[in-house]
Amino acid sequence: LFRPELLDDPATFVLAGQSADGRVL
C-alpha cells in the first residue's frame, strides 16, 4: 500500500521509531 511515490509528497512525512539495532518497532 505504501509506495515510494509517497515520499515525493512534500506535505507527507512517514515517521519511524527504531530500536538500537535499527529495527522499525
PDBML (XML) file of the C-alpha atoms, coordinates in Angstrom:
<?xml version="1.0" encoding="UTF-8" ?>
<PDBx:datablock datablockName="MODEL"
   xmlns:PDBx="http://pdbml.pdb.org/schema/pdbx-v50.xsd"
   xmlns:xsi="http://www.w3.org/2001/XMLSchema-instance"
   xsi:schemaLocation="http://pdbml.pdb.org/schema/pdbx-v50.xsd pdbx-v50.xsd">
   <PDBx:atom_siteCategory>
      <PDBx:atom_site id="1">
         <PDBx:B_iso_or_equiv>0.00</PDBx:B_iso_or_equiv>
         <PDBx:Cartn_x>0.000</PDBx:Cartn_x>
         <PDBx:Cartn_y>0.000</PDBx:Cartn_y>
         <PDBx:Cartn_z>0.000</PDBx:Cartn_z>
         <PDBx:auth_asym_id>A</PDBx:auth_asym_id>
         <PDBx:auth_atom_id>CA</PDBx:auth_atom_id>
         <PDBx:auth_comp_id>LEU</PDBx:auth_comp_id>
         <PDBx:auth_seq_id>1</PDBx:auth_seq_id>
         <PDBx:group_PDB>ATOM</PDBx:group_PDB>
         <PDBx:label_alt_id xsi:nil="true" />
         <PDBx:label_asym_id>A</PDBx:label_asym_id>
         <PDBx:label_atom_id>CA</PDBx:label_atom_id>
         <PDBx:label_comp_id>LEU</PDBx:label_comp_id>
         <PDBx:label_entity_id>1</PDBx:label_entity_id>
         <PDBx:label_seq_id>1</PDBx:label_seq_id>
         <PDBx:occupancy>1.00</PDBx:occupancy>
         <PDBx:pdbx_PDB_model_num>1</PDBx:pdbx_PDB_model_num>
         <PDBx:type_symbol>C</PDBx:type_symbol>
      </PDBx:atom_site>
      <PDBx:atom_site id="2">
         <PDBx:B_iso_or_equiv>0.00</PDBx:B_iso_or_equiv>
         <PDBx:Cartn_x>2.889</PDBx:Cartn_x>
         <PDBx:Cartn_y>2.351</PDBx:Cartn_y>
         <PDBx:Cartn_z>0.794</PDBx:Cartn_z>
         <PDBx:auth_asym_id>A</PDBx:auth_asym_id>
         <PDBx:auth_atom_id>CA</PDBx:auth_atom_id>
         <PDBx:auth_comp_id>PHE</PDBx:auth_comp_id>
         <PDBx:auth_seq_id>2</PDBx:auth_seq_id>
         <PDBx:group_PDB>ATOM</PDBx:group_PDB>
         <PDBx:label_alt_id xsi:nil="true" />
         <PDBx:label_asym_id>A</PDBx:label_asym_id>
         <PDBx:label_atom_id>CA</PDBx:label_atom_id>
         <PDBx:label_comp_id>PHE</PDBx:label_comp_id>
         <PDBx:label_entity_id>1</PDBx:label_entity_id>
         <PDBx:label_seq_id>2</PDBx:label_seq_id>
         <PDBx:occupancy>1.00</PDBx:occupancy>
         <PDBx:pdbx_PDB_model_num>1</PDBx:pdbx_PDB_model_num>
         <PDBx:type_symbol>C</PDBx:type_symbol>
      </PDBx:atom_site>
      <PDBx:atom_site id="3">
         <PDBx:B_iso_or_equiv>0.00</PDBx:B_iso_or_equiv>
         <PDBx:Cartn_x>4.670</PDBx:Cartn_x>
         <PDBx:Cartn_y>3.077</PDBx:Cartn_y>
         <PDBx:Cartn_z>-2.478</PDBx:Cartn_z>
         <PDBx:auth_asym_id>A</PDBx:auth_asym_id>
         <PDBx:auth_atom_id>CA</PDBx:auth_atom_id>
         <PDBx:auth_comp_id>ARG</PDBx:auth_comp_id>
         <PDBx:auth_seq_id>3</PDBx:auth_seq_id>
         <PDBx:group_PDB>ATOM</PDBx:group_PDB>
         <PDBx:label_alt_id xsi:nil="true" />
         <PDBx:label_asym_id>A</PDBx:label_asym_id>
         <PDBx:label_atom_id>CA</PDBx:label_atom_id>
         <PDBx:label_comp_id>ARG</PDBx:label_comp_id>
         <PDBx:label_entity_id>1</PDBx:label_entity_id>
         <PDBx:label_seq_id>3</PDBx:label_seq_id>
         <PDBx:occupancy>1.00</PDBx:occupancy>
         <PDBx:pdbx_PDB_model_num>1</PDBx:pdbx_PDB_model_num>
         <PDBx:type_symbol>C</PDBx:type_symbol>
      </PDBx:atom_site>
      <PDBx:atom_site id="4">
         <PDBx:B_iso_or_equiv>0.00</PDBx:B_iso_or_equiv>
         <PDBx:Cartn_x>7.920</PDBx:Cartn_x>
         <PDBx:Cartn_y>5.022</PDBx:Cartn_y>
         <PDBx:Cartn_z>-2.991</PDBx:Cartn_z>
         <PDBx:auth_asym_id>A</PDBx:auth_asym_id>
         <PDBx:auth_atom_id>CA</PDBx:auth_atom_id>
         <PDBx:auth_comp_id>PRO</PDBx:auth_comp_id>
         <PDBx:auth_seq_id>4</PDBx:auth_seq_id>
         <PDBx:group_PDB>ATOM</PDBx:group_PDB>
         <PDBx:label_alt_id xsi:nil="true" />
         <PDBx:label_asym_id>A</PDBx:label_asym_id>
         <PDBx:label_atom_id>CA</PDBx:label_atom_id>
         <PDBx:label_comp_id>PRO</PDBx:label_comp_id>
         <PDBx:label_entity_id>1</PDBx:label_entity_id>
         <PDBx:label_seq_id>4</PDBx:label_seq_id>
         <PDBx:occupancy>1.00</PDBx:occupancy>
         <PDBx:pdbx_PDB_model_num>1</PDBx:pdbx_PDB_model_num>
         <PDBx:type_symbol>C</PDBx:type_symbol>
      </PDBx:atom_site>
      <PDBx:atom_site id="5">
         <PDBx:B_iso_or_equiv>0.00</PDBx:B_iso_or_equiv>
         <PDBx:Cartn_x>5.950</PDBx:Cartn_x>
         <PDBx:Cartn_y>7.796</PDBx:Cartn_y>
         <PDBx:Cartn_z>-4.733</PDBx:Cartn_z>
         <PDBx:auth_asym_id>A</PDBx:auth_asym_id>
         <PDBx:auth_atom_id>CA</PDBx:auth_atom_id>
         <PDBx:auth_comp_id>GLU</PDBx:auth_comp_id>
         <PDBx:auth_seq_id>5</PDBx:auth_seq_id>
         <PDBx:group_PDB>ATOM</PDBx:group_PDB>
         <PDBx:label_alt_id xsi:nil="true" />
         <PDBx:label_asym_id>A</PDBx:label_asym_id>
         <PDBx:label_atom_id>CA</PDBx:label_atom_id>
         <PDBx:label_comp_id>GLU</PDBx:label_comp_id>
         <PDBx:label_entity_id>1</PDBx:label_entity_id>
         <PDBx:label_seq_id>5</PDBx:label_seq_id>
         <PDBx:occupancy>1.00</PDBx:occupancy>
         <PDBx:pdbx_PDB_model_num>1</PDBx:pdbx_PDB_model_num>
         <PDBx:type_symbol>C</PDBx:type_symbol>
      </PDBx:atom_site>
      <PDBx:atom_site id="6">
         <PDBx:B_iso_or_equiv>0.00</PDBx:B_iso_or_equiv>
         <PDBx:Cartn_x>4.560</PDBx:Cartn_x>
         <PDBx:Cartn_y>8.725</PDBx:Cartn_y>
         <PDBx:Cartn_z>-1.317</PDBx:Cartn_z>
         <PDBx:auth_asym_id>A</PDBx:auth_asym_id>
         <PDBx:auth_atom_id>CA</PDBx:auth_atom_id>
         <PDBx:auth_comp_id>LEU</PDBx:auth_comp_id>
         <PDBx:auth_seq_id>6</PDBx:auth_seq_id>
         <PDBx:group_PDB>ATOM</PDBx:group_PDB>
         <PDBx:label_alt_id xsi:nil="true" />
         <PDBx:label_asym_id>A</PDBx:label_asym_id>
         <PDBx:label_atom_id>CA</PDBx:label_atom_id>
         <PDBx:label_comp_id>LEU</PDBx:label_comp_id>
         <PDBx:label_entity_id>1</PDBx:label_entity_id>
         <PDBx:label_seq_id>6</PDBx:label_seq_id>
         <PDBx:occupancy>1.00</PDBx:occupancy>
         <PDBx:pdbx_PDB_model_num>1</PDBx:pdbx_PDB_model_num>
         <PDBx:type_symbol>C</PDBx:type_symbol>
      </PDBx:atom_site>
      <PDBx:atom_site id="7">
         <PDBx:B_iso_or_equiv>0.00</PDBx:B_iso_or_equiv>
         <PDBx:Cartn_x>7.993</PDBx:Cartn_x>
         <PDBx:Cartn_y>10.084</PDBx:Cartn_y>
         <PDBx:Cartn_z>-0.392</PDBx:Cartn_z>
         <PDBx:auth_asym_id>A</PDBx:auth_asym_id>
         <PDBx:auth_atom_id>CA</PDBx:auth_atom_id>
         <PDBx:auth_comp_id>LEU</PDBx:auth_comp_id>
         <PDBx:auth_seq_id>7</PDBx:auth_seq_id>
         <PDBx:group_PDB>ATOM</PDBx:group_PDB>
         <PDBx:label_alt_id xsi:nil="true" />
         <PDBx:label_asym_id>A</PDBx:label_asym_id>
         <PDBx:label_atom_id>CA</PDBx:label_atom_id>
         <PDBx:label_comp_id>LEU</PDBx:label_comp_id>
         <PDBx:label_entity_id>1</PDBx:label_entity_id>
         <PDBx:label_seq_id>7</PDBx:label_seq_id>
         <PDBx:occupancy>1.00</PDBx:occupancy>
         <PDBx:pdbx_PDB_model_num>1</PDBx:pdbx_PDB_model_num>
         <PDBx:type_symbol>C</PDBx:type_symbol>
      </PDBx:atom_site>
      <PDBx:atom_site id="8">
         <PDBx:B_iso_or_equiv>0.00</PDBx:B_iso_or_equiv>
         <PDBx:Cartn_x>7.723</PDBx:Cartn_x>
         <PDBx:Cartn_y>12.665</PDBx:Cartn_y>
         <PDBx:Cartn_z>-3.176</PDBx:Cartn_z>
         <PDBx:auth_asym_id>A</PDBx:auth_asym_id>
         <PDBx:auth_atom_id>CA</PDBx:auth_atom_id>
         <PDBx:auth_comp_id>ASP</PDBx:auth_comp_id>
         <PDBx:auth_seq_id>8</PDBx:auth_seq_id>
         <PDBx:group_PDB>ATOM</PDBx:group_PDB>
         <PDBx:label_alt_id xsi:nil="true" />
         <PDBx:label_asym_id>A</PDBx:label_asym_id>
         <PDBx:label_atom_id>CA</PDBx:label_atom_id>
         <PDBx:label_comp_id>ASP</PDBx:label_comp_id>
         <PDBx:label_entity_id>1</PDBx:label_entity_id>
         <PDBx:label_seq_id>8</PDBx:label_seq_id>
         <PDBx:occupancy>1.00</PDBx:occupancy>
         <PDBx:pdbx_PDB_model_num>1</PDBx:pdbx_PDB_model_num>
         <PDBx:type_symbol>C</PDBx:type_symbol>
      </PDBx:atom_site>
      <PDBx:atom_site id="9">
         <PDBx:B_iso_or_equiv>0.00</PDBx:B_iso_or_equiv>
         <PDBx:Cartn_x>4.844</PDBx:Cartn_x>
         <PDBx:Cartn_y>14.459</PDBx:Cartn_y>
         <PDBx:Cartn_z>-1.452</PDBx:Cartn_z>
         <PDBx:auth_asym_id>A</PDBx:auth_asym_id>
         <PDBx:auth_atom_id>CA</PDBx:auth_atom_id>
         <PDBx:auth_comp_id>ASP</PDBx:auth_comp_id>
         <PDBx:auth_seq_id>9</PDBx:auth_seq_id>
         <PDBx:group_PDB>ATOM</PDBx:group_PDB>
         <PDBx:label_alt_id xsi:nil="true" />
         <PDBx:label_asym_id>A</PDBx:label_asym_id>
         <PDBx:label_atom_id>CA</PDBx:label_atom_id>
         <PDBx:label_comp_id>ASP</PDBx:label_comp_id>
         <PDBx:label_entity_id>1</PDBx:label_entity_id>
         <PDBx:label_seq_id>9</PDBx:label_seq_id>
         <PDBx:occupancy>1.00</PDBx:occupancy>
         <PDBx:pdbx_PDB_model_num>1</PDBx:pdbx_PDB_model_num>
         <PDBx:type_symbol>C</PDBx:type_symbol>
      </PDBx:atom_site>
      <PDBx:atom_site id="10">
         <PDBx:B_iso_or_equiv>0.00</PDBx:B_iso_or_equiv>
         <PDBx:Cartn_x>6.344</PDBx:Cartn_x>
         <PDBx:Cartn_y>17.456</PDBx:Cartn_y>
         <PDBx:Cartn_z>0.391</PDBx:Cartn_z>
         <PDBx:auth_asym_id>A</PDBx:auth_asym_id>
         <PDBx:auth_atom_id>CA</PDBx:auth_atom_id>
         <PDBx:auth_comp_id>PRO</PDBx:auth_comp_id>
         <PDBx:auth_seq_id>10</PDBx:auth_seq_id>
         <PDBx:group_PDB>ATOM</PDBx:group_PDB>
         <PDBx:label_alt_id xsi:nil="true" />
         <PDBx:label_asym_id>A</PDBx:label_asym_id>
         <PDBx:label_atom_id>CA</PDBx:label_atom_id>
         <PDBx:label_comp_id>PRO</PDBx:label_comp_id>
         <PDBx:label_entity_id>1</PDBx:label_entity_id>
         <PDBx:label_seq_id>10</PDBx:label_seq_id>
         <PDBx:occupancy>1.00</PDBx:occupancy>
         <PDBx:pdbx_PDB_model_num>1</PDBx:pdbx_PDB_model_num>
         <PDBx:type_symbol>C</PDBx:type_symbol>
      </PDBx:atom_site>
      <PDBx:atom_site id="11">
         <PDBx:B_iso_or_equiv>0.00</PDBx:B_iso_or_equiv>
         <PDBx:Cartn_x>3.477</PDBx:Cartn_x>
         <PDBx:Cartn_y>17.538</PDBx:Cartn_y>
         <PDBx:Cartn_z>2.891</PDBx:Cartn_z>
         <PDBx:auth_asym_id>A</PDBx:auth_asym_id>
         <PDBx:auth_atom_id>CA</PDBx:auth_atom_id>
         <PDBx:auth_comp_id>ALA</PDBx:auth_comp_id>
         <PDBx:auth_seq_id>11</PDBx:auth_seq_id>
         <PDBx:group_PDB>ATOM</PDBx:group_PDB>
         <PDBx:label_alt_id xsi:nil="true" />
         <PDBx:label_asym_id>A</PDBx:label_asym_id>
         <PDBx:label_atom_id>CA</PDBx:label_atom_id>
         <PDBx:label_comp_id>ALA</PDBx:label_comp_id>
         <PDBx:label_entity_id>1</PDBx:label_entity_id>
         <PDBx:label_seq_id>11</PDBx:label_seq_id>
         <PDBx:occupancy>1.00</PDBx:occupancy>
         <PDBx:pdbx_PDB_model_num>1</PDBx:pdbx_PDB_model_num>
         <PDBx:type_symbol>C</PDBx:type_symbol>
      </PDBx:atom_site>
      <PDBx:atom_site id="12">
         <PDBx:B_iso_or_equiv>0.00</PDBx:B_iso_or_equiv>
         <PDBx:Cartn_x>3.706</PDBx:Cartn_x>
         <PDBx:Cartn_y>13.856</PDBx:Cartn_y>
         <PDBx:Cartn_z>3.902</PDBx:Cartn_z>
         <PDBx:auth_asym_id>A</PDBx:auth_asym_id>
         <PDBx:auth_atom_id>CA</PDBx:auth_atom_id>
         <PDBx:auth_comp_id>THR</PDBx:auth_comp_id>
         <PDBx:auth_seq_id>12</PDBx:auth_seq_id>
         <PDBx:group_PDB>ATOM</PDBx:group_PDB>
         <PDBx:label_alt_id xsi:nil="true" />
         <PDBx:label_asym_id>A</PDBx:label_asym_id>
         <PDBx:label_atom_id>CA</PDBx:label_atom_id>
         <PDBx:label_comp_id>THR</PDBx:label_comp_id>
         <PDBx:label_entity_id>1</PDBx:label_entity_id>
         <PDBx:label_seq_id>12</PDBx:label_seq_id>
         <PDBx:occupancy>1.00</PDBx:occupancy>
         <PDBx:pdbx_PDB_model_num>1</PDBx:pdbx_PDB_model_num>
         <PDBx:type_symbol>C</PDBx:type_symbol>
      </PDBx:atom_site>
      <PDBx:atom_site id="13">
         <PDBx:B_iso_or_equiv>0.00</PDBx:B_iso_or_equiv>
         <PDBx:Cartn_x>6.156</PDBx:Cartn_x>
         <PDBx:Cartn_y>12.563</PDBx:Cartn_y>
         <PDBx:Cartn_z>6.495</PDBx:Cartn_z>
         <PDBx:auth_asym_id>A</PDBx:auth_asym_id>
         <PDBx:auth_atom_id>CA</PDBx:auth_atom_id>
         <PDBx:auth_comp_id>PHE</PDBx:auth_comp_id>
         <PDBx:auth_seq_id>13</PDBx:auth_seq_id>
         <PDBx:group_PDB>ATOM</PDBx:group_PDB>
         <PDBx:label_alt_id xsi:nil="true" />
         <PDBx:label_asym_id>A</PDBx:label_asym_id>
         <PDBx:label_atom_id>CA</PDBx:label_atom_id>
         <PDBx:label_comp_id>PHE</PDBx:label_comp_id>
         <PDBx:label_entity_id>1</PDBx:label_entity_id>
         <PDBx:label_seq_id>13</PDBx:label_seq_id>
         <PDBx:occupancy>1.00</PDBx:occupancy>
         <PDBx:pdbx_PDB_model_num>1</PDBx:pdbx_PDB_model_num>
         <PDBx:type_symbol>C</PDBx:type_symbol>
      </PDBx:atom_site>
      <PDBx:atom_site id="14">
         <PDBx:B_iso_or_equiv>0.00</PDBx:B_iso_or_equiv>
         <PDBx:Cartn_x>6.496</PDBx:Cartn_x>
         <PDBx:Cartn_y>8.863</PDBx:Cartn_y>
         <PDBx:Cartn_z>7.288</PDBx:Cartn_z>
         <PDBx:auth_asym_id>A</PDBx:auth_asym_id>
         <PDBx:auth_atom_id>CA</PDBx:auth_atom_id>
         <PDBx:auth_comp_id>VAL</PDBx:auth_comp_id>
         <PDBx:auth_seq_id>14</PDBx:auth_seq_id>
         <PDBx:group_PDB>ATOM</PDBx:group_PDB>
         <PDBx:label_alt_id xsi:nil="true" />
         <PDBx:label_asym_id>A</PDBx:label_asym_id>
         <PDBx:label_atom_id>CA</PDBx:label_atom_id>
         <PDBx:label_comp_id>VAL</PDBx:label_comp_id>
         <PDBx:label_entity_id>1</PDBx:label_entity_id>
         <PDBx:label_seq_id>14</PDBx:label_seq_id>
         <PDBx:occupancy>1.00</PDBx:occupancy>
         <PDBx:pdbx_PDB_model_num>1</PDBx:pdbx_PDB_model_num>
         <PDBx:type_symbol>C</PDBx:type_symbol>
      </PDBx:atom_site>
      <PDBx:atom_site id="15">
         <PDBx:B_iso_or_equiv>0.00</PDBx:B_iso_or_equiv>
         <PDBx:Cartn_x>7.817</PDBx:Cartn_x>
         <PDBx:Cartn_y>8.567</PDBx:Cartn_y>
         <PDBx:Cartn_z>10.850</PDBx:Cartn_z>
         <PDBx:auth_asym_id>A</PDBx:auth_asym_id>
         <PDBx:auth_atom_id>CA</PDBx:auth_atom_id>
         <PDBx:auth_comp_id>LEU</PDBx:auth_comp_id>
         <PDBx:auth_seq_id>15</PDBx:auth_seq_id>
         <PDBx:group_PDB>ATOM</PDBx:group_PDB>
         <PDBx:label_alt_id xsi:nil="true" />
         <PDBx:label_asym_id>A</PDBx:label_asym_id>
         <PDBx:label_atom_id>CA</PDBx:label_atom_id>
         <PDBx:label_comp_id>LEU</PDBx:label_comp_id>
         <PDBx:label_entity_id>1</PDBx:label_entity_id>
         <PDBx:label_seq_id>15</PDBx:label_seq_id>
         <PDBx:occupancy>1.00</PDBx:occupancy>
         <PDBx:pdbx_PDB_model_num>1</PDBx:pdbx_PDB_model_num>
         <PDBx:type_symbol>C</PDBx:type_symbol>
      </PDBx:atom_site>
      <PDBx:atom_site id="16">
         <PDBx:B_iso_or_equiv>0.00</PDBx:B_iso_or_equiv>
         <PDBx:Cartn_x>9.744</PDBx:Cartn_x>
         <PDBx:Cartn_y>5.517</PDBx:Cartn_y>
         <PDBx:Cartn_z>12.050</PDBx:Cartn_z>
         <PDBx:auth_asym_id>A</PDBx:auth_asym_id>
         <PDBx:auth_atom_id>CA</PDBx:auth_atom_id>
         <PDBx:auth_comp_id>ALA</PDBx:auth_comp_id>
         <PDBx:auth_seq_id>16</PDBx:auth_seq_id>
         <PDBx:group_PDB>ATOM</PDBx:group_PDB>
         <PDBx:label_alt_id xsi:nil="true" />
         <PDBx:label_asym_id>A</PDBx:label_asym_id>
         <PDBx:label_atom_id>CA</PDBx:label_atom_id>
         <PDBx:label_comp_id>ALA</PDBx:label_comp_id>
         <PDBx:label_entity_id>1</PDBx:label_entity_id>
         <PDBx:label_seq_id>16</PDBx:label_seq_id>
         <PDBx:occupancy>1.00</PDBx:occupancy>
         <PDBx:pdbx_PDB_model_num>1</PDBx:pdbx_PDB_model_num>
         <PDBx:type_symbol>C</PDBx:type_symbol>
      </PDBx:atom_site>
      <PDBx:atom_site id="17">
         <PDBx:B_iso_or_equiv>0.00</PDBx:B_iso_or_equiv>
         <PDBx:Cartn_x>10.633</PDBx:Cartn_x>
         <PDBx:Cartn_y>4.551</PDBx:Cartn_y>
         <PDBx:Cartn_z>15.605</PDBx:Cartn_z>
         <PDBx:auth_asym_id>A</PDBx:auth_asym_id>
         <PDBx:auth_atom_id>CA</PDBx:auth_atom_id>
         <PDBx:auth_comp_id>GLY</PDBx:auth_comp_id>
         <PDBx:auth_seq_id>17</PDBx:auth_seq_id>
         <PDBx:group_PDB>ATOM</PDBx:group_PDB>
         <PDBx:label_alt_id xsi:nil="true" />
         <PDBx:label_asym_id>A</PDBx:label_asym_id>
         <PDBx:label_atom_id>CA</PDBx:label_atom_id>
         <PDBx:label_comp_id>GLY</PDBx:label_comp_id>
         <PDBx:label_entity_id>1</PDBx:label_entity_id>
         <PDBx:label_seq_id>17</PDBx:label_seq_id>
         <PDBx:occupancy>1.00</PDBx:occupancy>
         <PDBx:pdbx_PDB_model_num>1</PDBx:pdbx_PDB_model_num>
         <PDBx:type_symbol>C</PDBx:type_symbol>
      </PDBx:atom_site>
      <PDBx:atom_site id="18">
         <PDBx:B_iso_or_equiv>0.00</PDBx:B_iso_or_equiv>
         <PDBx:Cartn_x>13.653</PDBx:Cartn_x>
         <PDBx:Cartn_y>2.258</PDBx:Cartn_y>
         <PDBx:Cartn_z>15.638</PDBx:Cartn_z>
         <PDBx:auth_asym_id>A</PDBx:auth_asym_id>
         <PDBx:auth_atom_id>CA</PDBx:auth_atom_id>
         <PDBx:auth_comp_id>GLN</PDBx:auth_comp_id>
         <PDBx:auth_seq_id>18</PDBx:auth_seq_id>
         <PDBx:group_PDB>ATOM</PDBx:group_PDB>
         <PDBx:label_alt_id xsi:nil="true" />
         <PDBx:label_asym_id>A</PDBx:label_asym_id>
         <PDBx:label_atom_id>CA</PDBx:label_atom_id>
         <PDBx:label_comp_id>GLN</PDBx:label_comp_id>
         <PDBx:label_entity_id>1</PDBx:label_entity_id>
         <PDBx:label_seq_id>18</PDBx:label_seq_id>
         <PDBx:occupancy>1.00</PDBx:occupancy>
         <PDBx:pdbx_PDB_model_num>1</PDBx:pdbx_PDB_model_num>
         <PDBx:type_symbol>C</PDBx:type_symbol>
      </PDBx:atom_site>
      <PDBx:atom_site id="19">
         <PDBx:B_iso_or_equiv>0.00</PDBx:B_iso_or_equiv>
         <PDBx:Cartn_x>15.376</PDBx:Cartn_x>
         <PDBx:Cartn_y>0.052</PDBx:Cartn_y>
         <PDBx:Cartn_z>18.167</PDBx:Cartn_z>
         <PDBx:auth_asym_id>A</PDBx:auth_asym_id>
         <PDBx:auth_atom_id>CA</PDBx:auth_atom_id>
         <PDBx:auth_comp_id>SER</PDBx:auth_comp_id>
         <PDBx:auth_seq_id>19</PDBx:auth_seq_id>
         <PDBx:group_PDB>ATOM</PDBx:group_PDB>
         <PDBx:label_alt_id xsi:nil="true" />
         <PDBx:label_asym_id>A</PDBx:label_asym_id>
         <PDBx:label_atom_id>CA</PDBx:label_atom_id>
         <PDBx:label_comp_id>SER</PDBx:label_comp_id>
         <PDBx:label_entity_id>1</PDBx:label_entity_id>
         <PDBx:label_seq_id>19</PDBx:label_seq_id>
         <PDBx:occupancy>1.00</PDBx:occupancy>
         <PDBx:pdbx_PDB_model_num>1</PDBx:pdbx_PDB_model_num>
         <PDBx:type_symbol>C</PDBx:type_symbol>
      </PDBx:atom_site>
      <PDBx:atom_site id="20">
         <PDBx:B_iso_or_equiv>0.00</PDBx:B_iso_or_equiv>
         <PDBx:Cartn_x>19.102</PDBx:Cartn_x>
         <PDBx:Cartn_y>0.272</PDBx:Cartn_y>
         <PDBx:Cartn_z>18.859</PDBx:Cartn_z>
         <PDBx:auth_asym_id>A</PDBx:auth_asym_id>
         <PDBx:auth_atom_id>CA</PDBx:auth_atom_id>
         <PDBx:auth_comp_id>ALA</PDBx:auth_comp_id>
         <PDBx:auth_seq_id>20</PDBx:auth_seq_id>
         <PDBx:group_PDB>ATOM</PDBx:group_PDB>
         <PDBx:label_alt_id xsi:nil="true" />
         <PDBx:label_asym_id>A</PDBx:label_asym_id>
         <PDBx:label_atom_id>CA</PDBx:label_atom_id>
         <PDBx:label_comp_id>ALA</PDBx:label_comp_id>
         <PDBx:label_entity_id>1</PDBx:label_entity_id>
         <PDBx:label_seq_id>20</PDBx:label_seq_id>
         <PDBx:occupancy>1.00</PDBx:occupancy>
         <PDBx:pdbx_PDB_model_num>1</PDBx:pdbx_PDB_model_num>
         <PDBx:type_symbol>C</PDBx:type_symbol>
      </PDBx:atom_site>
      <PDBx:atom_site id="21">
         <PDBx:B_iso_or_equiv>0.00</PDBx:B_iso_or_equiv>
         <PDBx:Cartn_x>19.762</PDBx:Cartn_x>
         <PDBx:Cartn_y>-2.350</PDBx:Cartn_y>
         <PDBx:Cartn_z>16.186</PDBx:Cartn_z>
         <PDBx:auth_asym_id>A</PDBx:auth_asym_id>
         <PDBx:auth_atom_id>CA</PDBx:auth_atom_id>
         <PDBx:auth_comp_id>ASP</PDBx:auth_comp_id>
         <PDBx:auth_seq_id>21</PDBx:auth_seq_id>
         <PDBx:group_PDB>ATOM</PDBx:group_PDB>
         <PDBx:label_alt_id xsi:nil="true" />
         <PDBx:label_asym_id>A</PDBx:label_asym_id>
         <PDBx:label_atom_id>CA</PDBx:label_atom_id>
         <PDBx:label_comp_id>ASP</PDBx:label_comp_id>
         <PDBx:label_entity_id>1</PDBx:label_entity_id>
         <PDBx:label_seq_id>21</PDBx:label_seq_id>
         <PDBx:occupancy>1.00</PDBx:occupancy>
         <PDBx:pdbx_PDB_model_num>1</PDBx:pdbx_PDB_model_num>
         <PDBx:type_symbol>C</PDBx:type_symbol>
      </PDBx:atom_site>
      <PDBx:atom_site id="22">
         <PDBx:B_iso_or_equiv>0.00</PDBx:B_iso_or_equiv>
         <PDBx:Cartn_x>17.773</PDBx:Cartn_x>
         <PDBx:Cartn_y>-0.424</PDBx:Cartn_y>
         <PDBx:Cartn_z>13.550</PDBx:Cartn_z>
         <PDBx:auth_asym_id>A</PDBx:auth_asym_id>
         <PDBx:auth_atom_id>CA</PDBx:auth_atom_id>
         <PDBx:auth_comp_id>GLY</PDBx:auth_comp_id>
         <PDBx:auth_seq_id>22</PDBx:auth_seq_id>
         <PDBx:group_PDB>ATOM</PDBx:group_PDB>
         <PDBx:label_alt_id xsi:nil="true" />
         <PDBx:label_asym_id>A</PDBx:label_asym_id>
         <PDBx:label_atom_id>CA</PDBx:label_atom_id>
         <PDBx:label_comp_id>GLY</PDBx:label_comp_id>
         <PDBx:label_entity_id>1</PDBx:label_entity_id>
         <PDBx:label_seq_id>22</PDBx:label_seq_id>
         <PDBx:occupancy>1.00</PDBx:occupancy>
         <PDBx:pdbx_PDB_model_num>1</PDBx:pdbx_PDB_model_num>
         <PDBx:type_symbol>C</PDBx:type_symbol>
      </PDBx:atom_site>
      <PDBx:atom_site id="23">
         <PDBx:B_iso_or_equiv>0.00</PDBx:B_iso_or_equiv>
         <PDBx:Cartn_x>14.520</PDBx:Cartn_x>
         <PDBx:Cartn_y>-2.415</PDBx:Cartn_y>
         <PDBx:Cartn_z>13.533</PDBx:Cartn_z>
         <PDBx:auth_asym_id>A</PDBx:auth_asym_id>
         <PDBx:auth_atom_id>CA</PDBx:auth_atom_id>
         <PDBx:auth_comp_id>ARG</PDBx:auth_comp_id>
         <PDBx:auth_seq_id>23</PDBx:auth_seq_id>
         <PDBx:group_PDB>ATOM</PDBx:group_PDB>
         <PDBx:label_alt_id xsi:nil="true" />
         <PDBx:label_asym_id>A</PDBx:label_asym_id>
         <PDBx:label_atom_id>CA</PDBx:label_atom_id>
         <PDBx:label_comp_id>ARG</PDBx:label_comp_id>
         <PDBx:label_entity_id>1</PDBx:label_entity_id>
         <PDBx:label_seq_id>23</PDBx:label_seq_id>
         <PDBx:occupancy>1.00</PDBx:occupancy>
         <PDBx:pdbx_PDB_model_num>1</PDBx:pdbx_PDB_model_num>
         <PDBx:type_symbol>C</PDBx:type_symbol>
      </PDBx:atom_site>
      <PDBx:atom_site id="24">
         <PDBx:B_iso_or_equiv>0.00</PDBx:B_iso_or_equiv>
         <PDBx:Cartn_x>11.299</PDBx:Cartn_x>
         <PDBx:Cartn_y>-0.456</PDBx:Cartn_y>
         <PDBx:Cartn_z>12.973</PDBx:Cartn_z>
         <PDBx:auth_asym_id>A</PDBx:auth_asym_id>
         <PDBx:auth_atom_id>CA</PDBx:auth_atom_id>
         <PDBx:auth_comp_id>VAL</PDBx:auth_comp_id>
         <PDBx:auth_seq_id>24</PDBx:auth_seq_id>
         <PDBx:group_PDB>ATOM</PDBx:group_PDB>
         <PDBx:label_alt_id xsi:nil="true" />
         <PDBx:label_asym_id>A</PDBx:label_asym_id>
         <PDBx:label_atom_id>CA</PDBx:label_atom_id>
         <PDBx:label_comp_id>VAL</PDBx:label_comp_id>
         <PDBx:label_entity_id>1</PDBx:label_entity_id>
         <PDBx:label_seq_id>24</PDBx:label_seq_id>
         <PDBx:occupancy>1.00</PDBx:occupancy>
         <PDBx:pdbx_PDB_model_num>1</PDBx:pdbx_PDB_model_num>
         <PDBx:type_symbol>C</PDBx:type_symbol>
      </PDBx:atom_site>
      <PDBx:atom_site id="25">
         <PDBx:B_iso_or_equiv>0.00</PDBx:B_iso_or_equiv>
         <PDBx:Cartn_x>9.119</PDBx:Cartn_x>
         <PDBx:Cartn_y>-1.058</PDBx:Cartn_y>
         <PDBx:Cartn_z>16.014</PDBx:Cartn_z>
         <PDBx:auth_asym_id>A</PDBx:auth_asym_id>
         <PDBx:auth_atom_id>CA</PDBx:auth_atom_id>
         <PDBx:auth_comp_id>LEU</PDBx:auth_comp_id>
         <PDBx:auth_seq_id>25</PDBx:auth_seq_id>
         <PDBx:group_PDB>ATOM</PDBx:group_PDB>
         <PDBx:label_alt_id xsi:nil="true" />
         <PDBx:label_asym_id>A</PDBx:label_asym_id>
         <PDBx:label_atom_id>CA</PDBx:label_atom_id>
         <PDBx:label_comp_id>LEU</PDBx:label_comp_id>
         <PDBx:label_entity_id>1</PDBx:label_entity_id>
         <PDBx:label_seq_id>25</PDBx:label_seq_id>
         <PDBx:occupancy>1.00</PDBx:occupancy>
         <PDBx:pdbx_PDB_model_num>1</PDBx:pdbx_PDB_model_num>
         <PDBx:type_symbol>C</PDBx:type_symbol>
      </PDBx:atom_site>
   </PDBx:atom_siteCategory>
</PDBx:datablock>
